[in-house]
Amino acid sequence: MRTIVLGVGNPLRTDDAVGLHVARLVAERLAGHPEIDVLELWTGGLSLAEAMAGYDRALVVDALVAGATPAGSVQRLGLADLGAARNLACAHDTSLPGAIETWRELGLHLPGSIVVFGVATHDTETLGERLSAPVAGALGAACDAVVAELLESDPVVAAGERP
């Protein structure tokens, strides 16, 4: 099963970059696995959905506006839950669910399984390249959640087989 892990965010807006950081950790942990690709994106909507083309499964990691959720909390979401994800809906584009629907109507092969991991943020407005302490502290847990999701449904990853 071909899988793509997509880390989404803006590396210059503090906690908004959390998806990019988690993607790097996942890439390190699963380096060389022939069925799993990891990609970092700075955009959502149509471009994000298009990056999933040709894969059987997609896992997306993005920043969530924390609200009442403590910063650094990691949440597993489905497409119906994406209102809170910061980059998965783009003001200049369309939401991820809308983009998926559009691409599928146009005949693009997109994954049947799409899971989103959101990390609740502390600050996505300040320009800066460093994550806040609570979000930086959640990187390991977010990486573990993504890898656990991969392990649950892929016996090759679970067995630790490498090329």
N, C-alpha and C. Protein backbone atom coordinates (compact mmCIF):
# COMPACT_ATOMS: atom_id res chain seq x y z
N MET A 1 0.86 -1.17 0.00
CA MET A 1 0.00 0.00 0.00
C MET A 1 0.91 1.24 0.00
N ARG A 2 0.82 2.05 -1.04
CA ARG A 2 1.61 3.28 -1.12
C ARG A 2 1.00 4.34 -0.22
N THR A 3 1.84 4.91 0.61
CA THR A 3 1.39 5.90 1.60
C THR A 3 2.22 7.16 1.49
N ILE A 4 1.55 8.29 1.66
CA ILE A 4 2.26 9.56 1.75
C ILE A 4 1.92 10.22 3.08
N VAL A 5 2.96 10.75 3.73
CA VAL A 5 2.80 11.54 4.94
C VAL A 5 3.13 12.97 4.53
N LEU A 6 2.18 13.88 4.77
CA LEU A 6 2.33 15.27 4.36
C LEU A 6 2.36 16.17 5.58
N GLY A 7 3.47 16.85 5.78
CA GLY A 7 3.57 17.86 6.82
C GLY A 7 3.27 19.21 6.20
N VAL A 8 2.31 19.94 6.78
CA VAL A 8 1.85 21.19 6.20
C VAL A 8 2.14 22.33 7.18
N GLY A 9 2.57 23.48 6.64
CA GLY A 9 2.76 24.63 7.51
C GLY A 9 3.63 25.70 6.88
N ASN A 10 3.75 26.80 7.60
CA ASN A 10 4.57 27.92 7.18
C ASN A 10 5.77 27.97 8.13
N PRO A 11 6.98 27.76 7.64
CA PRO A 11 8.14 27.70 8.52
C PRO A 11 8.52 29.04 9.16
N LEU A 12 7.87 30.11 8.75
CA LEU A 12 8.21 31.44 9.27
C LEU A 12 7.17 31.98 10.25
N ARG A 13 6.19 31.15 10.62
CA ARG A 13 5.13 31.62 11.53
C ARG A 13 5.04 30.73 12.76
N THR A 14 6.09 30.70 13.51
CA THR A 14 6.20 29.97 14.78
C THR A 14 5.51 28.61 14.73
N ASP A 15 4.48 28.40 15.53
CA ASP A 15 3.85 27.09 15.67
C ASP A 15 3.17 26.58 14.40
N ASP A 16 2.93 27.44 13.44
CA ASP A 16 2.32 27.01 12.19
C ASP A 16 3.20 25.98 11.48
N ALA A 17 4.48 25.94 11.80
CA ALA A 17 5.43 25.03 11.17
C ALA A 17 5.44 23.64 11.79
N VAL A 18 4.59 23.36 12.75
CA VAL A 18 4.66 22.09 13.47
C VAL A 18 4.51 20.89 12.52
N GLY A 19 3.67 20.98 11.52
CA GLY A 19 3.51 19.87 10.57
C GLY A 19 4.80 19.56 9.83
N LEU A 20 5.56 20.59 9.50
CA LEU A 20 6.84 20.40 8.82
C LEU A 20 7.84 19.69 9.74
N HIS A 21 7.88 20.10 10.99
CA HIS A 21 8.79 19.48 11.96
C HIS A 21 8.44 18.00 12.19
N VAL A 22 7.16 17.71 12.31
CA VAL A 22 6.75 16.32 12.52
C VAL A 22 7.08 15.48 11.29
N ALA A 23 6.86 16.03 10.10
CA ALA A 23 7.18 15.29 8.87
C ALA A 23 8.66 14.92 8.84
N ARG A 24 9.53 15.83 9.26
CA ARG A 24 10.97 15.54 9.28
C ARG A 24 11.29 14.40 10.23
N LEU A 25 10.65 14.39 11.40
CA LEU A 25 10.88 13.31 12.36
C LEU A 25 10.39 11.96 11.81
N VAL A 26 9.23 11.99 11.18
CA VAL A 26 8.69 10.75 10.59
C VAL A 26 9.62 10.26 9.48
N ALA A 27 10.10 11.17 8.66
CA ALA A 27 11.02 10.80 7.57
C ALA A 27 12.29 10.14 8.12
N GLU A 28 12.82 10.69 9.21
CA GLU A 28 14.01 10.10 9.84
C GLU A 28 13.71 8.70 10.37
N ARG A 29 12.58 8.57 11.04
CA ARG A 29 12.24 7.29 11.65
C ARG A 29 11.98 6.20 10.62
N LEU A 30 11.39 6.57 9.49
CA LEU A 30 11.02 5.58 8.47
C LEU A 30 11.90 5.67 7.22
N ALA A 31 13.08 6.23 7.36
CA ALA A 31 13.99 6.43 6.22
C ALA A 31 14.18 5.13 5.43
N GLY A 32 14.04 5.24 4.13
CA GLY A 32 14.29 4.11 3.25
C GLY A 32 13.13 3.16 3.05
N HIS A 33 12.01 3.42 3.68
CA HIS A 33 10.87 2.52 3.49
C HIS A 33 10.32 2.71 2.07
N PRO A 34 10.22 1.64 1.29
CA PRO A 34 9.85 1.78 -0.12
C PRO A 34 8.39 2.17 -0.39
N GLU A 35 7.52 1.99 0.58
CA GLU A 35 6.10 2.25 0.35
C GLU A 35 5.61 3.53 1.02
N ILE A 36 6.52 4.27 1.69
CA ILE A 36 6.10 5.48 2.41
C ILE A 36 6.96 6.66 1.95
N ASP A 37 6.29 7.68 1.46
CA ASP A 37 6.94 8.93 1.10
C ASP A 37 6.53 9.99 2.10
N VAL A 38 7.44 10.91 2.39
CA VAL A 38 7.16 12.02 3.30
C VAL A 38 7.46 13.31 2.54
N LEU A 39 6.53 14.25 2.62
CA LEU A 39 6.66 15.51 1.88
C LEU A 39 6.25 16.66 2.78
N GLU A 40 6.95 17.78 2.64
CA GLU A 40 6.59 19.00 3.35
C GLU A 40 5.95 19.96 2.36
N LEU A 41 4.82 20.56 2.75
CA LEU A 41 4.13 21.52 1.90
C LEU A 41 3.86 22.80 2.66
N TRP A 42 3.85 23.90 1.95
CA TRP A 42 3.54 25.20 2.54
C TRP A 42 2.14 25.65 2.18
N THR A 43 1.36 24.80 1.57
CA THR A 43 0.05 25.18 1.07
C THR A 43 -0.97 24.10 1.35
N GLY A 44 -2.23 24.47 1.35
CA GLY A 44 -3.31 23.51 1.56
C GLY A 44 -4.15 23.41 0.32
N GLY A 45 -5.43 23.09 0.49
CA GLY A 45 -6.39 23.08 -0.59
C GLY A 45 -6.04 22.18 -1.76
N LEU A 46 -6.15 22.73 -2.97
CA LEU A 46 -5.95 21.96 -4.19
C LEU A 46 -4.55 21.37 -4.29
N SER A 47 -3.52 22.13 -3.90
CA SER A 47 -2.15 21.62 -3.96
C SER A 47 -1.93 20.46 -3.00
N LEU A 48 -2.51 20.56 -1.82
CA LEU A 48 -2.38 19.48 -0.84
C LEU A 48 -3.06 18.21 -1.35
N ALA A 49 -4.26 18.35 -1.86
CA ALA A 49 -4.98 17.18 -2.39
C ALA A 49 -4.24 16.59 -3.59
N GLU A 50 -3.70 17.45 -4.44
CA GLU A 50 -2.98 16.97 -5.62
C GLU A 50 -1.73 16.18 -5.23
N ALA A 51 -1.08 16.57 -4.13
CA ALA A 51 0.11 15.85 -3.67
C ALA A 51 -0.21 14.42 -3.26
N MET A 52 -1.47 14.13 -2.99
CA MET A 52 -1.90 12.79 -2.59
C MET A 52 -2.16 11.87 -3.79
N ALA A 53 -2.15 12.42 -4.98
CA ALA A 53 -2.50 11.65 -6.19
C ALA A 53 -1.59 10.43 -6.34
N GLY A 54 -2.21 9.30 -6.64
CA GLY A 54 -1.49 8.07 -6.89
C GLY A 54 -1.19 7.25 -5.64
N TYR A 55 -1.54 7.77 -4.48
CA TYR A 55 -1.30 7.04 -3.23
C TYR A 55 -2.58 6.34 -2.78
N ASP A 56 -2.41 5.28 -2.00
CA ASP A 56 -3.55 4.54 -1.45
C ASP A 56 -4.00 5.10 -0.12
N ARG A 57 -3.07 5.76 0.58
CA ARG A 57 -3.34 6.26 1.92
C ARG A 57 -2.54 7.54 2.12
N ALA A 58 -3.13 8.50 2.84
CA ALA A 58 -2.44 9.75 3.15
C ALA A 58 -2.63 10.08 4.62
N LEU A 59 -1.55 10.52 5.25
CA LEU A 59 -1.59 11.04 6.61
C LEU A 59 -1.07 12.47 6.54
N VAL A 60 -1.84 13.40 7.06
CA VAL A 60 -1.50 14.81 7.01
C VAL A 60 -1.28 15.30 8.43
N VAL A 61 -0.23 16.12 8.61
CA VAL A 61 0.04 16.72 9.92
C VAL A 61 0.00 18.23 9.76
N ASP A 62 -0.80 18.90 10.60
CA ASP A 62 -0.95 20.34 10.49
C ASP A 62 -1.17 20.94 11.86
N ALA A 63 -1.04 22.26 11.92
CA ALA A 63 -1.32 23.02 13.14
C ALA A 63 -2.82 23.21 13.29
N LEU A 64 -3.29 23.16 14.52
CA LEU A 64 -4.69 23.45 14.83
C LEU A 64 -4.75 24.69 15.71
N VAL A 65 -5.76 25.51 15.48
CA VAL A 65 -5.99 26.63 16.39
C VAL A 65 -6.47 26.01 17.69
N ALA A 66 -5.76 26.27 18.76
CA ALA A 66 -5.99 25.55 20.02
C ALA A 66 -7.35 25.78 20.63
N GLY A 67 -7.83 27.02 20.68
CA GLY A 67 -9.09 27.27 21.37
C GLY A 67 -8.99 26.81 22.81
N ALA A 68 -9.92 25.95 23.22
CA ALA A 68 -9.92 25.43 24.59
C ALA A 68 -8.98 24.24 24.76
N THR A 69 -8.46 23.72 23.66
CA THR A 69 -7.55 22.58 23.72
C THR A 69 -6.16 23.05 24.14
N PRO A 70 -5.52 22.38 25.08
CA PRO A 70 -4.19 22.81 25.50
C PRO A 70 -3.18 22.75 24.35
N ALA A 71 -2.36 23.79 24.23
CA ALA A 71 -1.32 23.82 23.20
C ALA A 71 -0.43 22.59 23.35
N GLY A 72 -0.12 21.98 22.22
CA GLY A 72 0.70 20.77 22.21
C GLY A 72 -0.11 19.49 22.18
N SER A 73 -1.42 19.58 22.35
CA SER A 73 -2.27 18.38 22.27
C SER A 73 -2.29 17.87 20.84
N VAL A 74 -2.25 16.56 20.68
CA VAL A 74 -2.27 15.94 19.36
C VAL A 74 -3.63 15.29 19.18
N GLN A 75 -4.27 15.59 18.05
CA GLN A 75 -5.60 15.05 17.77
C GLN A 75 -5.60 14.32 16.43
N ARG A 76 -6.29 13.19 16.38
CA ARG A 76 -6.50 12.46 15.13
C ARG A 76 -7.85 12.88 14.59
N LEU A 77 -7.89 13.32 13.34
CA LEU A 77 -9.10 13.86 12.74
C LEU A 77 -9.41 13.18 11.42
N GLY A 78 -10.69 13.20 11.07
CA GLY A 78 -11.12 12.78 9.76
C GLY A 78 -11.42 14.00 8.91
N LEU A 79 -11.74 13.79 7.65
CA LEU A 79 -12.02 14.91 6.76
C LEU A 79 -13.17 15.78 7.26
N ALA A 80 -14.14 15.18 7.92
CA ALA A 80 -15.30 15.94 8.41
C ALA A 80 -14.93 16.88 9.57
N ASP A 81 -13.76 16.67 10.17
CA ASP A 81 -13.35 17.46 11.34
C ASP A 81 -12.44 18.63 10.99
N LEU A 82 -12.21 18.90 9.73
CA LEU A 82 -11.12 19.80 9.35
C LEU A 82 -11.37 21.28 9.50
N GLY A 83 -12.44 21.71 10.07
CA GLY A 83 -12.66 23.12 10.26
C GLY A 83 -11.60 23.78 11.11
N ALA A 84 -10.97 23.04 12.02
CA ALA A 84 -10.01 23.63 12.93
C ALA A 84 -8.58 23.63 12.40
N ALA A 85 -8.31 22.89 11.34
CA ALA A 85 -6.94 22.82 10.83
C ALA A 85 -6.57 24.12 10.14
N ARG A 86 -5.40 24.64 10.45
CA ARG A 86 -5.01 25.96 9.96
C ARG A 86 -4.72 25.97 8.46
N ASN A 87 -3.95 25.04 7.93
CA ASN A 87 -3.51 25.10 6.54
C ASN A 87 -4.32 24.23 5.60
N LEU A 88 -5.17 23.40 6.13
CA LEU A 88 -5.93 22.51 5.28
C LEU A 88 -7.06 23.24 4.58
N ALA A 89 -7.41 24.41 5.05
CA ALA A 89 -8.37 25.27 4.38
C ALA A 89 -7.64 26.57 4.05
N CYS A 90 -7.72 26.99 2.82
CA CYS A 90 -6.95 28.15 2.36
C CYS A 90 -7.90 29.22 1.84
N ALA A 91 -7.74 30.45 2.30
CA ALA A 91 -8.63 31.54 1.89
C ALA A 91 -8.52 31.83 0.40
N HIS A 92 -7.41 31.49 -0.23
CA HIS A 92 -7.20 31.75 -1.65
C HIS A 92 -7.49 30.52 -2.50
N ASP A 93 -8.02 29.49 -1.91
CA ASP A 93 -8.13 28.20 -2.58
C ASP A 93 -9.45 27.56 -2.17
N THR A 94 -9.41 26.36 -1.64
CA THR A 94 -10.58 25.66 -1.15
C THR A 94 -10.16 24.79 0.02
N SER A 95 -11.11 24.26 0.74
CA SER A 95 -10.79 23.36 1.84
C SER A 95 -10.27 22.04 1.29
N LEU A 96 -9.61 21.26 2.14
CA LEU A 96 -9.13 19.96 1.70
C LEU A 96 -10.28 19.06 1.26
N PRO A 97 -11.38 18.96 2.03
CA PRO A 97 -12.49 18.12 1.54
C PRO A 97 -13.03 18.61 0.18
N GLY A 98 -13.13 19.91 0.00
CA GLY A 98 -13.59 20.45 -1.28
C GLY A 98 -12.62 20.14 -2.41
N ALA A 99 -11.33 20.25 -2.13
CA ALA A 99 -10.31 19.95 -3.14
C ALA A 99 -10.33 18.48 -3.51
N ILE A 100 -10.49 17.61 -2.52
CA ILE A 100 -10.55 16.17 -2.80
C ILE A 100 -11.74 15.86 -3.69
N GLU A 101 -12.88 16.43 -3.35
CA GLU A 101 -14.08 16.21 -4.16
C GLU A 101 -13.86 16.69 -5.59
N THR A 102 -13.27 17.87 -5.75
CA THR A 102 -13.02 18.42 -7.09
C THR A 102 -12.09 17.52 -7.89
N TRP A 103 -10.95 17.13 -7.30
CA TRP A 103 -10.00 16.29 -8.01
C TRP A 103 -10.61 14.92 -8.35
N ARG A 104 -11.37 14.35 -7.45
CA ARG A 104 -11.99 13.05 -7.75
C ARG A 104 -12.99 13.17 -8.90
N GLU A 105 -13.76 14.27 -8.93
CA GLU A 105 -14.69 14.48 -10.03
C GLU A 105 -13.97 14.62 -11.36
N LEU A 106 -12.72 15.10 -11.31
CA LEU A 106 -11.92 15.25 -12.52
C LEU A 106 -11.15 13.97 -12.86
N GLY A 107 -11.33 12.92 -12.06
CA GLY A 107 -10.74 11.62 -12.36
C GLY A 107 -9.38 11.36 -11.75
N LEU A 108 -8.90 12.20 -10.85
CA LEU A 108 -7.61 11.98 -10.21
C LEU A 108 -7.74 10.88 -9.15
N HIS A 109 -6.81 9.92 -9.18
CA HIS A 109 -6.83 8.84 -8.17
C HIS A 109 -6.28 9.39 -6.86
N LEU A 110 -7.14 9.49 -5.86
CA LEU A 110 -6.74 9.95 -4.53
C LEU A 110 -6.93 8.83 -3.52
N PRO A 111 -6.24 8.91 -2.39
CA PRO A 111 -6.33 7.84 -1.40
C PRO A 111 -7.74 7.60 -0.89
N GLY A 112 -8.04 6.34 -0.63
CA GLY A 112 -9.31 6.00 0.01
C GLY A 112 -9.27 6.28 1.49
N SER A 113 -8.07 6.33 2.06
CA SER A 113 -7.90 6.60 3.48
C SER A 113 -7.07 7.87 3.66
N ILE A 114 -7.69 8.88 4.29
CA ILE A 114 -7.00 10.13 4.59
C ILE A 114 -7.23 10.45 6.06
N VAL A 115 -6.14 10.53 6.81
CA VAL A 115 -6.20 10.82 8.23
C VAL A 115 -5.38 12.08 8.48
N VAL A 116 -5.87 12.94 9.35
CA VAL A 116 -5.18 14.18 9.68
C VAL A 116 -4.81 14.16 11.16
N PHE A 117 -3.57 14.50 11.45
CA PHE A 117 -3.13 14.69 12.82
C PHE A 117 -2.90 16.17 13.02
N GLY A 118 -3.61 16.74 13.96
CA GLY A 118 -3.47 18.16 14.26
C GLY A 118 -2.79 18.35 15.60
N VAL A 119 -1.92 19.34 15.65
CA VAL A 119 -1.26 19.69 16.90
C VAL A 119 -1.76 21.08 17.30
N ALA A 120 -2.38 21.16 18.47
CA ALA A 120 -2.92 22.44 18.95
C ALA A 120 -1.76 23.42 19.17
N THR A 121 -1.94 24.62 18.68
CA THR A 121 -0.87 25.61 18.69
C THR A 121 -1.01 26.62 19.83
N HIS A 122 0.08 27.29 20.08
CA HIS A 122 0.12 28.38 21.05
C HIS A 122 0.17 29.72 20.32
N ASP A 123 0.99 29.81 19.26
CA ASP A 123 1.19 31.06 18.55
C ASP A 123 1.49 30.78 17.08
N THR A 124 0.59 31.19 16.20
CA THR A 124 0.82 31.04 14.76
C THR A 124 0.91 32.39 14.06
N GLU A 125 0.88 33.46 14.82
CA GLU A 125 0.88 34.80 14.23
C GLU A 125 2.25 35.48 14.24
N THR A 126 3.07 35.16 15.23
CA THR A 126 4.37 35.79 15.35
C THR A 126 5.31 35.26 14.27
N LEU A 127 6.04 36.17 13.62
CA LEU A 127 7.05 35.73 12.67
C LEU A 127 8.23 35.18 13.44
N GLY A 128 8.62 33.98 13.10
CA GLY A 128 9.75 33.34 13.77
C GLY A 128 9.86 31.90 13.34
N GLU A 129 11.05 31.35 13.51
CA GLU A 129 11.31 29.98 13.07
C GLU A 129 11.33 28.97 14.21
N ARG A 130 11.06 29.42 15.43
CA ARG A 130 11.09 28.52 16.57
C ARG A 130 9.68 28.23 17.05
N LEU A 131 9.42 26.98 17.35
CA LEU A 131 8.13 26.58 17.91
C LEU A 131 8.06 27.03 19.37
N SER A 132 6.85 27.30 19.84
CA SER A 132 6.67 27.59 21.27
C SER A 132 7.01 26.34 22.07
N ALA A 133 7.28 26.51 23.34
CA ALA A 133 7.68 25.38 24.19
C ALA A 133 6.64 24.26 24.22
N PRO A 134 5.32 24.57 24.39
CA PRO A 134 4.37 23.45 24.44
C PRO A 134 4.27 22.69 23.12
N VAL A 135 4.41 23.40 22.01
CA VAL A 135 4.30 22.73 20.71
C VAL A 135 5.59 21.96 20.41
N ALA A 136 6.74 22.54 20.71
CA ALA A 136 8.00 21.82 20.54
C ALA A 136 8.01 20.55 21.38
N GLY A 137 7.44 20.64 22.57
CA GLY A 137 7.38 19.48 23.45
C GLY A 137 6.46 18.38 22.95
N ALA A 138 5.60 18.69 22.00
CA ALA A 138 4.66 17.71 21.45
C ALA A 138 5.17 17.01 20.20
N LEU A 139 6.32 17.40 19.70
CA LEU A 139 6.81 16.82 18.44
C LEU A 139 6.96 15.30 18.51
N GLY A 140 7.53 14.81 19.58
CA GLY A 140 7.71 13.36 19.73
C GLY A 140 6.39 12.62 19.76
N ALA A 141 5.42 13.15 20.51
CA ALA A 141 4.10 12.50 20.60
C ALA A 141 3.39 12.53 19.25
N ALA A 142 3.52 13.62 18.52
CA ALA A 142 2.88 13.70 17.20
C ALA A 142 3.53 12.72 16.24
N CYS A 143 4.85 12.64 16.25
CA CYS A 143 5.56 11.66 15.41
C CYS A 143 5.14 10.24 15.78
N ASP A 144 5.09 9.95 17.07
CA ASP A 144 4.67 8.62 17.53
C ASP A 144 3.26 8.29 17.06
N ALA A 145 2.35 9.27 17.08
CA ALA A 145 0.97 9.04 16.64
C ALA A 145 0.92 8.70 15.16
N VAL A 146 1.69 9.41 14.36
CA VAL A 146 1.72 9.14 12.91
C VAL A 146 2.30 7.75 12.65
N VAL A 147 3.42 7.44 13.29
CA VAL A 147 4.05 6.14 13.08
C VAL A 147 3.13 5.02 13.58
N ALA A 148 2.45 5.23 14.71
CA ALA A 148 1.52 4.21 15.21
C ALA A 148 0.39 3.97 14.22
N GLU A 149 -0.10 5.03 13.60
CA GLU A 149 -1.14 4.88 12.57
C GLU A 149 -0.62 4.05 11.41
N LEU A 150 0.61 4.29 11.01
CA LEU A 150 1.21 3.52 9.93
C LEU A 150 1.40 2.05 10.33
N LEU A 151 1.82 1.82 11.56
CA LEU A 151 2.04 0.46 12.04
C LEU A 151 0.76 -0.35 12.10
N GLU A 152 -0.33 0.31 12.51
CA GLU A 152 -1.61 -0.39 12.65
C GLU A 152 -2.08 -1.01 11.36
N SER A 153 -1.85 -0.35 10.26
CA SER A 153 -2.45 -0.82 9.01
C SER A 153 -1.44 -1.33 7.99
N ASP A 154 -0.16 -1.40 8.33
CA ASP A 154 0.85 -1.85 7.37
C ASP A 154 1.77 -2.86 8.04
N PRO A 155 1.57 -4.17 7.77
CA PRO A 155 2.37 -5.19 8.43
C PRO A 155 3.86 -5.08 8.09
N VAL A 156 4.22 -4.52 6.93
CA VAL A 156 5.64 -4.38 6.58
C VAL A 156 6.31 -3.37 7.50
N VAL A 157 5.64 -2.24 7.75
CA VAL A 157 6.18 -1.24 8.67
C VAL A 157 6.24 -1.82 10.08
N ALA A 158 5.19 -2.52 10.47
CA ALA A 158 5.12 -3.09 11.82
C ALA A 158 6.26 -4.07 12.06
N ALA A 159 6.63 -4.82 11.03
CA ALA A 159 7.70 -5.80 11.16
C ALA A 159 9.07 -5.13 11.13
N GLY A 160 9.11 -3.87 10.79
CA GLY A 160 10.37 -3.15 10.76
C GLY A 160 11.20 -3.47 9.53
N GLU A 161 10.57 -4.02 8.49
CA GLU A 161 11.30 -4.37 7.28
C GLU A 161 11.73 -3.12 6.54
N ARG A 162 12.91 -3.14 6.03
CA ARG A 162 13.48 -2.04 5.27
C ARG A 162 14.02 -2.60 3.96
N PRO A 163 14.19 -1.73 2.97
CA PRO A 163 14.76 -2.22 1.69
C PRO A 163 16.18 -2.69 1.87
